[in-house]
PDB file of all heavy atoms in Angstrom:
ATOM      1  N   SER A   1       0.802  -1.223   0.000  1.00  0.00           N
ATOM      2  CA  SER A   1       0.000   0.000   0.000  1.00  0.00           C
ATOM      3  C   SER A   1       0.836   1.275   0.000  1.00  0.00           C
ATOM      4  O   SER A   1       0.362   2.333  -0.410  1.00  0.00           O
ATOM      5  CB  SER A   1      -0.915   0.026   1.232  1.00  0.00           C
ATOM      6  OG  SER A   1      -0.139   0.163   2.423  1.00  0.00           O
ATOM      7  N   GLY A   2       2.047   1.185   0.493  1.00  0.00           N
ATOM      8  CA  GLY A   2       2.870   2.384   0.660  1.00  0.00           C
ATOM      9  C   GLY A   2       2.737   3.023   2.022  1.00  0.00           C
ATOM     10  O   GLY A   2       3.414   4.008   2.324  1.00  0.00           O
ATOM     11  N   ALA A   3       1.850   2.463   2.860  1.00  0.00           N
ATOM     12  CA  ALA A   3       1.694   2.991   4.224  1.00  0.00           C
ATOM     13  C   ALA A   3       2.806   2.452   5.113  1.00  0.00           C
ATOM     14  O   ALA A   3       3.352   1.371   4.881  1.00  0.00           O
ATOM     15  CB  ALA A   3       0.333   2.599   4.785  1.00  0.00           C
ATOM     16  N   ALA A   4       3.128   3.215   6.149  1.00  0.00           N
ATOM     17  CA  ALA A   4       4.128   2.768   7.118  1.00  0.00           C
ATOM     18  C   ALA A   4       3.556   1.641   7.974  1.00  0.00           C
ATOM     19  O   ALA A   4       2.363   1.605   8.266  1.00  0.00           O
ATOM     20  CB  ALA A   4       4.547   3.934   8.010  1.00  0.00           C
ATOM     21  N   SER A   5       4.411   0.706   8.367  1.00  0.00           N
ATOM     22  CA  SER A   5       3.995  -0.390   9.239  1.00  0.00           C
ATOM     23  C   SER A   5       3.972   0.075  10.689  1.00  0.00           C
ATOM     24  O   SER A   5       4.694   1.000  11.080  1.00  0.00           O
ATOM     25  CB  SER A   5       4.951  -1.579   9.098  1.00  0.00           C
ATOM     26  OG  SER A   5       4.909  -2.100   7.796  1.00  0.00           O
ATOM     27  N   LEU A   6       3.134  -0.578  11.477  1.00  0.00           N
ATOM     28  CA  LEU A   6       3.105  -0.274  12.904  1.00  0.00           C
ATOM     29  C   LEU A   6       4.378  -0.771  13.582  1.00  0.00           C
ATOM     30  O   LEU A   6       4.847  -1.878  13.300  1.00  0.00           O
ATOM     31  CB  LEU A   6       1.909  -0.964  13.568  1.00  0.00           C
ATOM     32  CG  LEU A   6       0.535  -0.325  13.450  1.00  0.00           C
ATOM     33  CD1 LEU A   6      -0.491  -1.178  14.199  1.00  0.00           C
ATOM     34  CD2 LEU A   6       0.534   1.086  14.000  1.00  0.00           C
ATOM     35  N   ASP A   7       4.909   0.032  14.476  1.00  0.00           N
ATOM     36  CA  ASP A   7       6.015  -0.379  15.341  1.00  0.00           C
ATOM     37  C   ASP A   7       5.439  -0.518  16.745  1.00  0.00           C
ATOM     38  O   ASP A   7       5.251   0.468  17.459  1.00  0.00           O
ATOM     39  CB  ASP A   7       7.131   0.661  15.311  1.00  0.00           C
ATOM     40  CG  ASP A   7       8.312   0.279  16.199  1.00  0.00           C
ATOM     41  OD1 ASP A   7       8.218  -0.738  16.918  1.00  0.00           O
ATOM     42  OD2 ASP A   7       9.316   1.018  16.190  1.00  0.00           O
ATOM     43  N   PHE A   8       5.137  -1.753  17.135  1.00  0.00           N
ATOM     44  CA  PHE A   8       4.441  -1.958  18.404  1.00  0.00           C
ATOM     45  C   PHE A   8       5.285  -1.542  19.608  1.00  0.00           C
ATOM     46  O   PHE A   8       4.743  -1.194  20.659  1.00  0.00           O
ATOM     47  CB  PHE A   8       4.033  -3.426  18.535  1.00  0.00           C
ATOM     48  CG  PHE A   8       2.853  -3.786  17.687  1.00  0.00           C
ATOM     49  CD1 PHE A   8       3.023  -4.320  16.423  1.00  0.00           C
ATOM     50  CD2 PHE A   8       1.566  -3.573  18.137  1.00  0.00           C
ATOM     51  CE1 PHE A   8       1.943  -4.644  15.625  1.00  0.00           C
ATOM     52  CE2 PHE A   8       0.468  -3.888  17.360  1.00  0.00           C
ATOM     53  CZ  PHE A   8       0.653  -4.432  16.099  1.00  0.00           C
ATOM     54  N   LEU A   9       6.597  -1.546  19.460  1.00  0.00           N
ATOM     55  CA  LEU A   9       7.451  -1.189  20.596  1.00  0.00           C
ATOM     56  C   LEU A   9       7.506   0.315  20.833  1.00  0.00           C
ATOM     57  O   LEU A   9       7.933   0.758  21.905  1.00  0.00           O
ATOM     58  CB  LEU A   9       8.860  -1.739  20.376  1.00  0.00           C
ATOM     59  CG  LEU A   9       8.958  -3.265  20.294  1.00  0.00           C
ATOM     60  CD1 LEU A   9      10.412  -3.691  20.114  1.00  0.00           C
ATOM     61  CD2 LEU A   9       8.372  -3.913  21.546  1.00  0.00           C
ATOM     62  N   SER A  10       7.075   1.090  19.849  1.00  0.00           N
ATOM     63  CA  SER A  10       7.101   2.541  20.034  1.00  0.00           C
ATOM     64  C   SER A  10       5.697   3.144  20.149  1.00  0.00           C
ATOM     65  O   SER A  10       5.562   4.353  20.258  1.00  0.00           O
ATOM     66  CB  SER A  10       7.846   3.202  18.868  1.00  0.00           C
ATOM     67  OG  SER A  10       7.154   2.995  17.650  1.00  0.00           O
ATOM     68  N   LEU A  11       4.673   2.301  20.116  1.00  0.00           N
ATOM     69  CA  LEU A  11       3.303   2.807  20.198  1.00  0.00           C
ATOM     70  C   LEU A  11       3.013   3.416  21.565  1.00  0.00           C
ATOM     71  O   LEU A  11       3.438   2.887  22.597  1.00  0.00           O
ATOM     72  CB  LEU A  11       2.293   1.681  19.956  1.00  0.00           C
ATOM     73  CG  LEU A  11       2.003   1.249  18.523  1.00  0.00           C
ATOM     74  CD1 LEU A  11       0.945   0.157  18.534  1.00  0.00           C
ATOM     75  CD2 LEU A  11       1.538   2.428  17.688  1.00  0.00           C
ATOM     76  N   ALA A  12       2.256   4.503  21.551  1.00  0.00           N
ATOM     77  CA  ALA A  12       1.721   5.030  22.804  1.00  0.00           C
ATOM     78  C   ALA A  12       0.621   4.086  23.287  1.00  0.00           C
ATOM     79  O   ALA A  12       0.082   3.284  22.515  1.00  0.00           O
ATOM     80  CB  ALA A  12       1.153   6.427  22.574  1.00  0.00           C
ATOM     81  N   PRO A  13       0.271   4.142  24.579  1.00  0.00           N
ATOM     82  CA  PRO A  13      -0.828   3.294  25.073  1.00  0.00           C
ATOM     83  C   PRO A  13      -2.105   3.532  24.272  1.00  0.00           C
ATOM     84  O   PRO A  13      -2.408   4.665  23.880  1.00  0.00           O
ATOM     85  CB  PRO A  13      -0.986   3.752  26.531  1.00  0.00           C
ATOM     86  CG  PRO A  13       0.351   4.300  26.907  1.00  0.00           C
ATOM     87  CD  PRO A  13       0.881   4.942  25.662  1.00  0.00           C
ATOM     88  N   LEU A  14      -2.838   2.470  24.034  1.00  0.00           N
ATOM     89  CA  LEU A  14      -4.107   2.564  23.308  1.00  0.00           C
ATOM     90  C   LEU A  14      -5.227   2.761  24.324  1.00  0.00           C
ATOM     91  O   LEU A  14      -5.388   1.963  25.250  1.00  0.00           O
ATOM     92  CB  LEU A  14      -4.346   1.294  22.488  1.00  0.00           C
ATOM     93  CG  LEU A  14      -3.253   0.927  21.481  1.00  0.00           C
ATOM     94  CD1 LEU A  14      -3.659  -0.306  20.679  1.00  0.00           C
ATOM     95  CD2 LEU A  14      -2.937   2.094  20.549  1.00  0.00           C
ATOM     96  N   THR A  15      -5.975   3.830  24.152  1.00  0.00           N
ATOM     97  CA  THR A  15      -7.009   4.176  25.122  1.00  0.00           C
ATOM     98  C   THR A  15      -8.373   4.274  24.452  1.00  0.00           C
ATOM     99  O   THR A  15      -8.484   4.464  23.235  1.00  0.00           O
ATOM    100  CB  THR A  15      -6.692   5.514  25.810  1.00  0.00           C
ATOM    101  OG1 THR A  15      -6.641   6.558  24.811  1.00  0.00           O
ATOM    102  CG2 THR A  15      -5.356   5.455  26.531  1.00  0.00           C
ATOM    103  N   PHE A  16      -9.421   4.167  25.279  1.00  0.00           N
ATOM    104  CA  PHE A  16     -10.793   4.182  24.792  1.00  0.00           C
ATOM    105  C   PHE A  16     -11.654   4.964  25.770  1.00  0.00           C
ATOM    106  O   PHE A  16     -11.421   4.940  26.974  1.00  0.00           O
ATOM    107  CB  PHE A  16     -11.330   2.748  24.645  1.00  0.00           C
ATOM    108  CG  PHE A  16     -10.446   1.878  23.799  1.00  0.00           C
ATOM    109  CD1 PHE A  16      -9.420   1.134  24.377  1.00  0.00           C
ATOM    110  CD2 PHE A  16     -10.611   1.831  22.429  1.00  0.00           C
ATOM    111  CE1 PHE A  16      -8.582   0.352  23.599  1.00  0.00           C
ATOM    112  CE2 PHE A  16      -9.779   1.053  21.639  1.00  0.00           C
ATOM    113  CZ  PHE A  16      -8.770   0.319  22.226  1.00  0.00           C
ATOM    114  N   GLU A  17     -12.647   5.649  25.240  1.00  0.00           N
ATOM    115  CA  GLU A  17     -13.539   6.435  26.087  1.00  0.00           C
ATOM    116  C   GLU A  17     -14.865   6.644  25.367  1.00  0.00           C
ATOM    117  O   GLU A  17     -14.937   6.518  24.138  1.00  0.00           O
ATOM    118  CB  GLU A  17     -12.898   7.789  26.434  1.00  0.00           C
ATOM    119  CG  GLU A  17     -12.532   8.622  25.215  1.00  0.00           C
ATOM    120  CD  GLU A  17     -11.559   9.750  25.548  1.00  0.00           C
ATOM    121  OE1 GLU A  17     -10.403   9.473  25.936  1.00  0.00           O
ATOM    122  OE2 GLU A  17     -11.975  10.909  25.388  1.00  0.00           O
ATOM    123  N   PRO A  18     -15.921   6.959  26.108  1.00  0.00           N
ATOM    124  CA  PRO A  18     -17.212   7.208  25.457  1.00  0.00           C
ATOM    125  C   PRO A  18     -17.220   8.566  24.765  1.00  0.00           C
ATOM    126  O   PRO A  18     -16.425   9.457  25.099  1.00  0.00           O
ATOM    127  CB  PRO A  18     -18.205   7.173  26.616  1.00  0.00           C
ATOM    128  CG  PRO A  18     -17.393   7.581  27.812  1.00  0.00           C
ATOM    129  CD  PRO A  18     -16.010   7.034  27.577  1.00  0.00           C
ATOM    130  N   ALA A  19     -18.097   8.724  23.803  1.00  0.00           N
ATOM    131  CA  ALA A  19     -18.280  10.019  23.139  1.00  0.00           C
ATOM    132  C   ALA A  19     -19.177  10.895  24.014  1.00  0.00           C
ATOM    133  O   ALA A  19     -20.289  10.497  24.369  1.00  0.00           O
ATOM    134  CB  ALA A  19     -18.913   9.822  21.770  1.00  0.00           C
ATOM    135  N   ASP A  20     -18.680  12.060  24.363  1.00  0.00           N
ATOM    136  CA  ASP A  20     -19.412  12.992  25.224  1.00  0.00           C
ATOM    137  C   ASP A  20     -20.583  13.592  24.441  1.00  0.00           C
ATOM    138  O   ASP A  20     -20.369  14.285  23.442  1.00  0.00           O
ATOM    139  CB  ASP A  20     -18.465  14.090  25.689  1.00  0.00           C
ATOM    140  CG  ASP A  20     -19.123  15.091  26.627  1.00  0.00           C
ATOM    141  OD1 ASP A  20     -20.345  15.008  26.847  1.00  0.00           O
ATOM    142  OD2 ASP A  20     -18.405  15.976  27.147  1.00  0.00           O
ATOM    143  N   PRO A  21     -21.829  13.357  24.880  1.00  0.00           N
ATOM    144  CA  PRO A  21     -22.971  13.898  24.126  1.00  0.00           C
ATOM    145  C   PRO A  21     -23.050  15.420  24.139  1.00  0.00           C
ATOM    146  O   PRO A  21     -23.714  16.007  23.283  1.00  0.00           O
ATOM    147  CB  PRO A  21     -24.178  13.269  24.830  1.00  0.00           C
ATOM    148  CG  PRO A  21     -23.692  12.888  26.190  1.00  0.00           C
ATOM    149  CD  PRO A  21     -22.253  12.551  26.033  1.00  0.00           C
ATOM    150  N   LEU A  22     -22.369  16.085  25.088  1.00  0.00           N
ATOM    151  CA  LEU A  22     -22.352  17.548  25.087  1.00  0.00           C
ATOM    152  C   LEU A  22     -21.423  18.082  24.001  1.00  0.00           C
ATOM    153  O   LEU A  22     -21.707  19.103  23.370  1.00  0.00           O
ATOM    154  CB  LEU A  22     -21.917  18.074  26.455  1.00  0.00           C
ATOM    155  CG  LEU A  22     -22.883  17.815  27.610  1.00  0.00           C
ATOM    156  CD1 LEU A  22     -22.308  18.348  28.927  1.00  0.00           C
ATOM    157  CD2 LEU A  22     -24.228  18.485  27.333  1.00  0.00           C
ATOM    158  N   ARG A  23     -20.308  17.414  23.781  1.00  0.00           N
ATOM    159  CA  ARG A  23     -19.385  17.829  22.720  1.00  0.00           C
ATOM    160  C   ARG A  23     -19.868  17.367  21.348  1.00  0.00           C
ATOM    161  O   ARG A  23     -19.646  18.040  20.352  1.00  0.00           O
ATOM    162  CB  ARG A  23     -17.989  17.244  22.954  1.00  0.00           C
ATOM    163  CG  ARG A  23     -17.197  17.892  24.057  1.00  0.00           C
ATOM    164  CD  ARG A  23     -15.750  17.430  24.007  1.00  0.00           C
ATOM    165  NE  ARG A  23     -14.994  17.970  25.122  1.00  0.00           N
ATOM    166  CZ  ARG A  23     -14.890  17.379  26.308  1.00  0.00           C
ATOM    167  NH1 ARG A  23     -15.495  16.226  26.514  1.00  0.00           N
ATOM    168  NH2 ARG A  23     -14.199  17.938  27.281  1.00  0.00           N
ATOM    169  N   PHE A  24     -20.502  16.205  21.312  1.00  0.00           N
ATOM    170  CA  PHE A  24     -20.862  15.581  20.036  1.00  0.00           C
ATOM    171  C   PHE A  24     -22.349  15.212  19.997  1.00  0.00           C
ATOM    172  O   PHE A  24     -22.705  14.036  19.873  1.00  0.00           O
ATOM    173  CB  PHE A  24     -20.003  14.331  19.820  1.00  0.00           C
ATOM    174  CG  PHE A  24     -18.520  14.564  19.955  1.00  0.00           C
ATOM    175  CD1 PHE A  24     -17.800  13.956  20.971  1.00  0.00           C
ATOM    176  CD2 PHE A  24     -17.854  15.387  19.057  1.00  0.00           C
ATOM    177  CE1 PHE A  24     -16.427  14.153  21.089  1.00  0.00           C
ATOM    178  CE2 PHE A  24     -16.479  15.596  19.169  1.00  0.00           C
ATOM    179  CZ  PHE A  24     -15.767  14.980  20.191  1.00  0.00           C
ATOM    180  N   PRO A  25     -23.234  16.196  20.104  1.00  0.00           N
ATOM    181  CA  PRO A  25     -24.669  15.875  20.150  1.00  0.00           C
ATOM    182  C   PRO A  25     -25.193  15.285  18.841  1.00  0.00           C
ATOM    183  O   PRO A  25     -26.215  14.594  18.834  1.00  0.00           O
ATOM    184  CB  PRO A  25     -25.317  17.232  20.443  1.00  0.00           C
ATOM    185  CG  PRO A  25     -24.343  18.245  19.897  1.00  0.00           C
ATOM    186  CD  PRO A  25     -22.995  17.658  20.172  1.00  0.00           C
ATOM    187  N   GLY A  26     -24.488  15.534  17.733  1.00  0.00           N
ATOM    188  CA  GLY A  26     -24.973  15.045  16.455  1.00  0.00           C
ATOM    189  C   GLY A  26     -24.866  13.544  16.275  1.00  0.00           C
ATOM    190  O   GLY A  26     -25.553  12.967  15.420  1.00  0.00           O
ATOM    191  N   LEU A  27     -24.036  12.888  17.067  1.00  0.00           N
ATOM    192  CA  LEU A  27     -23.844  11.447  16.900  1.00  0.00           C
ATOM    193  C   LEU A  27     -25.150  10.677  17.097  1.00  0.00           C
ATOM    194  O   LEU A  27     -25.451   9.745  16.347  1.00  0.00           O
ATOM    195  CB  LEU A  27     -22.781  10.961  17.884  1.00  0.00           C
ATOM    196  CG  LEU A  27     -22.424   9.474  17.826  1.00  0.00           C
ATOM    197  CD1 LEU A  27     -21.903   9.084  16.450  1.00  0.00           C
ATOM    198  CD2 LEU A  27     -21.393   9.138  18.907  1.00  0.00           C
ATOM    199  N   GLN A  28     -25.936  11.065  18.083  1.00  0.00           N
ATOM    200  CA  GLN A  28     -27.174  10.344  18.389  1.00  0.00           C
ATOM    201  C   GLN A  28     -28.179  10.407  17.237  1.00  0.00           C
ATOM    202  O   GLN A  28     -29.042   9.529  17.107  1.00  0.00           O
ATOM    203  CB  GLN A  28     -27.810  10.930  19.658  1.00  0.00           C
ATOM    204  CG  GLN A  28     -29.104  10.262  20.092  1.00  0.00           C
ATOM    205  CD  GLN A  28     -28.952   8.771  20.374  1.00  0.00           C
ATOM    206  OE1 GLN A  28     -27.940   8.325  20.919  1.00  0.00           O
ATOM    207  NE2 GLN A  28     -29.949   7.978  19.995  1.00  0.00           N
ATOM    208  N   LEU A  29     -28.057  11.413  16.370  1.00  0.00           N
ATOM    209  CA  LEU A  29     -29.000  11.532  15.251  1.00  0.00           C
ATOM    210  C   LEU A  29     -28.949  10.314  14.329  1.00  0.00           C
ATOM    211  O   LEU A  29     -29.927  10.011  13.642  1.00  0.00           O
ATOM    212  CB  LEU A  29     -28.712  12.806  14.456  1.00  0.00           C
ATOM    213  CG  LEU A  29     -29.042  14.130  15.154  1.00  0.00           C
ATOM    214  CD1 LEU A  29     -28.588  15.310  14.299  1.00  0.00           C
ATOM    215  CD2 LEU A  29     -30.533  14.232  15.451  1.00  0.00           C
ATOM    216  N   ALA A  30     -27.839   9.605  14.311  1.00  0.00           N
ATOM    217  CA  ALA A  30     -27.742   8.409  13.461  1.00  0.00           C
ATOM    218  C   ALA A  30     -28.791   7.388  13.858  1.00  0.00           C
ATOM    219  O   ALA A  30     -29.571   6.904  13.020  1.00  0.00           O
ATOM    220  CB  ALA A  30     -26.345   7.800  13.566  1.00  0.00           C
ATOM    221  N   TRP A  31     -28.833   7.035  15.137  1.00  0.00           N
ATOM    222  CA  TRP A  31     -29.792   6.028  15.595  1.00  0.00           C
ATOM    223  C   TRP A  31     -31.219   6.561  15.535  1.00  0.00           C
ATOM    224  O   TRP A  31     -32.141   5.825  15.199  1.00  0.00           O
ATOM    225  CB  TRP A  31     -29.431   5.588  17.005  1.00  0.00           C
ATOM    226  CG  TRP A  31     -28.149   4.804  17.045  1.00  0.00           C
ATOM    227  CD1 TRP A  31     -27.981   3.465  16.790  1.00  0.00           C
ATOM    228  CD2 TRP A  31     -26.846   5.311  17.343  1.00  0.00           C
ATOM    229  NE1 TRP A  31     -26.671   3.106  16.908  1.00  0.00           N
ATOM    230  CE2 TRP A  31     -25.936   4.214  17.257  1.00  0.00           C
ATOM    231  CE3 TRP A  31     -26.342   6.563  17.682  1.00  0.00           C
ATOM    232  CZ2 TRP A  31     -24.585   4.350  17.492  1.00  0.00           C
ATOM    233  CZ3 TRP A  31     -24.982   6.692  17.913  1.00  0.00           C
ATOM    234  CH2 TRP A  31     -24.117   5.601  17.805  1.00  0.00           C
ATOM    235  N   ASP A  32     -31.391   7.848  15.842  1.00  0.00           N
ATOM    236  CA  ASP A  32     -32.730   8.442  15.759  1.00  0.00           C
ATOM    237  C   ASP A  32     -33.287   8.322  14.342  1.00  0.00           C
ATOM    238  O   ASP A  32     -34.450   7.950  14.146  1.00  0.00           O
ATOM    239  CB  ASP A  32     -32.691   9.918  16.176  1.00  0.00           C
ATOM    240  CG  ASP A  32     -32.336  10.116  17.643  1.00  0.00           C
ATOM    241  OD1 ASP A  32     -32.405   9.137  18.419  1.00  0.00           O
ATOM    242  OD2 ASP A  32     -31.973  11.253  18.007  1.00  0.00           O
ATOM    243  N   CYS A  33     -32.461   8.636  13.347  1.00  0.00           N
ATOM    244  CA  CYS A  33     -32.928   8.605  11.952  1.00  0.00           C
ATOM    245  C   CYS A  33     -33.119   7.182  11.447  1.00  0.00           C
ATOM    246  O   CYS A  33     -34.029   6.916  10.657  1.00  0.00           O
ATOM    247  CB  CYS A  33     -31.952   9.368  11.053  1.00  0.00           C
ATOM    248  SG  CYS A  33     -32.018  11.162  11.282  1.00  0.00           S
ATOM    249  N   LEU A  34     -32.279   6.253  11.896  1.00  0.00           N
ATOM    250  CA  LEU A  34     -32.445   4.865  11.477  1.00  0.00           C
ATOM    251  C   LEU A  34     -33.733   4.266  12.030  1.00  0.00           C
ATOM    252  O   LEU A  34     -34.322   3.367  11.416  1.00  0.00           O
ATOM    253  CB  LEU A  34     -31.248   4.027  11.917  1.00  0.00           C
ATOM    254  CG  LEU A  34     -29.982   4.186  11.069  1.00  0.00           C
ATOM    255  CD1 LEU A  34     -28.799   3.508  11.734  1.00  0.00           C
ATOM    256  CD2 LEU A  34     -30.188   3.628   9.662  1.00  0.00           C
ATOM    257  N   ARG A  35     -34.171   4.753  13.180  1.00  0.00           N
ATOM    258  CA  ARG A  35     -35.435   4.266  13.761  1.00  0.00           C
ATOM    259  C   ARG A  35     -36.644   4.966  13.169  1.00  0.00           C
ATOM    260  O   ARG A  35     -37.776   4.506  13.352  1.00  0.00           O
ATOM    261  CB  ARG A  35     -35.416   4.465  15.279  1.00  0.00           C
ATOM    262  CG  ARG A  35     -34.348   3.653  16.019  1.00  0.00           C
ATOM    263  CD  ARG A  35     -34.521   3.777  17.521  1.00  0.00           C
ATOM    264  NE  ARG A  35     -33.346   3.315  18.236  1.00  0.00           N
ATOM    265  CZ  ARG A  35     -32.429   4.120  18.778  1.00  0.00           C
ATOM    266  NH1 ARG A  35     -32.581   5.432  18.707  1.00  0.00           N
ATOM    267  NH2 ARG A  35     -31.389   3.625  19.422  1.00  0.00           N
ATOM    268  N   ALA A  36     -36.422   6.084  12.498  1.00  0.00           N
ATOM    269  CA  ALA A  36     -37.518   6.874  11.942  1.00  0.00           C
ATOM    270  C   ALA A  36     -37.931   6.333  10.575  1.00  0.00           C
ATOM    271  O   ALA A  36     -37.491   5.263  10.140  1.00  0.00           O
ATOM    272  CB  ALA A  36     -37.100   8.341  11.850  1.00  0.00           C
ATOM    273  N   ALA A  37     -38.778   7.083   9.883  1.00  0.00           N
ATOM    274  CA  ALA A  37     -39.281   6.659   8.580  1.00  0.00           C
ATOM    275  C   ALA A  37     -38.155   6.601   7.551  1.00  0.00           C
ATOM    276  O   ALA A  37     -37.157   7.322   7.662  1.00  0.00           O
ATOM    277  CB  ALA A  37     -40.367   7.625   8.108  1.00  0.00           C
ATOM    278  N   THR A  38     -38.317   5.736   6.550  1.00  0.00           N
ATOM    279  CA  THR A  38     -37.369   5.687   5.437  1.00  0.00           C
ATOM    280  C   THR A  38     -37.258   7.069   4.804  1.00  0.00           C
ATOM    281  O   THR A  38     -38.264   7.718   4.530  1.00  0.00           O
ATOM    282  CB  THR A  38     -37.838   4.679   4.378  1.00  0.00           C
ATOM    283  OG1 THR A  38     -37.941   3.397   4.972  1.00  0.00           O
ATOM    284  CG2 THR A  38     -36.860   4.624   3.205  1.00  0.00           C
ATOM    285  N   GLY A  39     -36.051   7.519   4.599  1.00  0.00           N
ATOM    286  CA  GLY A  39     -35.818   8.859   4.068  1.00  0.00           C
ATOM    287  C   GLY A  39     -35.292   9.827   5.111  1.00  0.00           C
ATOM    288  O   GLY A  39     -34.756  10.889   4.770  1.00  0.00           O
ATOM    289  N   ALA A  40     -35.417   9.470   6.400  1.00  0.00           N
ATOM    290  CA  ALA A  40     -34.930  10.367   7.457  1.00  0.00           C
ATOM    291  C   ALA A  40     -33.419  10.543   7.374  1.00  0.00           C
ATOM    292  O   ALA A  40     -32.892  11.638   7.616  1.00  0.00           O
ATOM    293  CB  ALA A  40     -35.328   9.832   8.833  1.00  0.00           C
TER     294      ALA A  40
END
């Protein structure tokens, strides 16, 4: 591909966290629209 390979010995720790609904209120619209009528 031409992409660089991962160097696992130099990687920073891998972390995970929830998406803050105050910072990212638009994310919830995905599920709202999928539950709504076709075309939403």
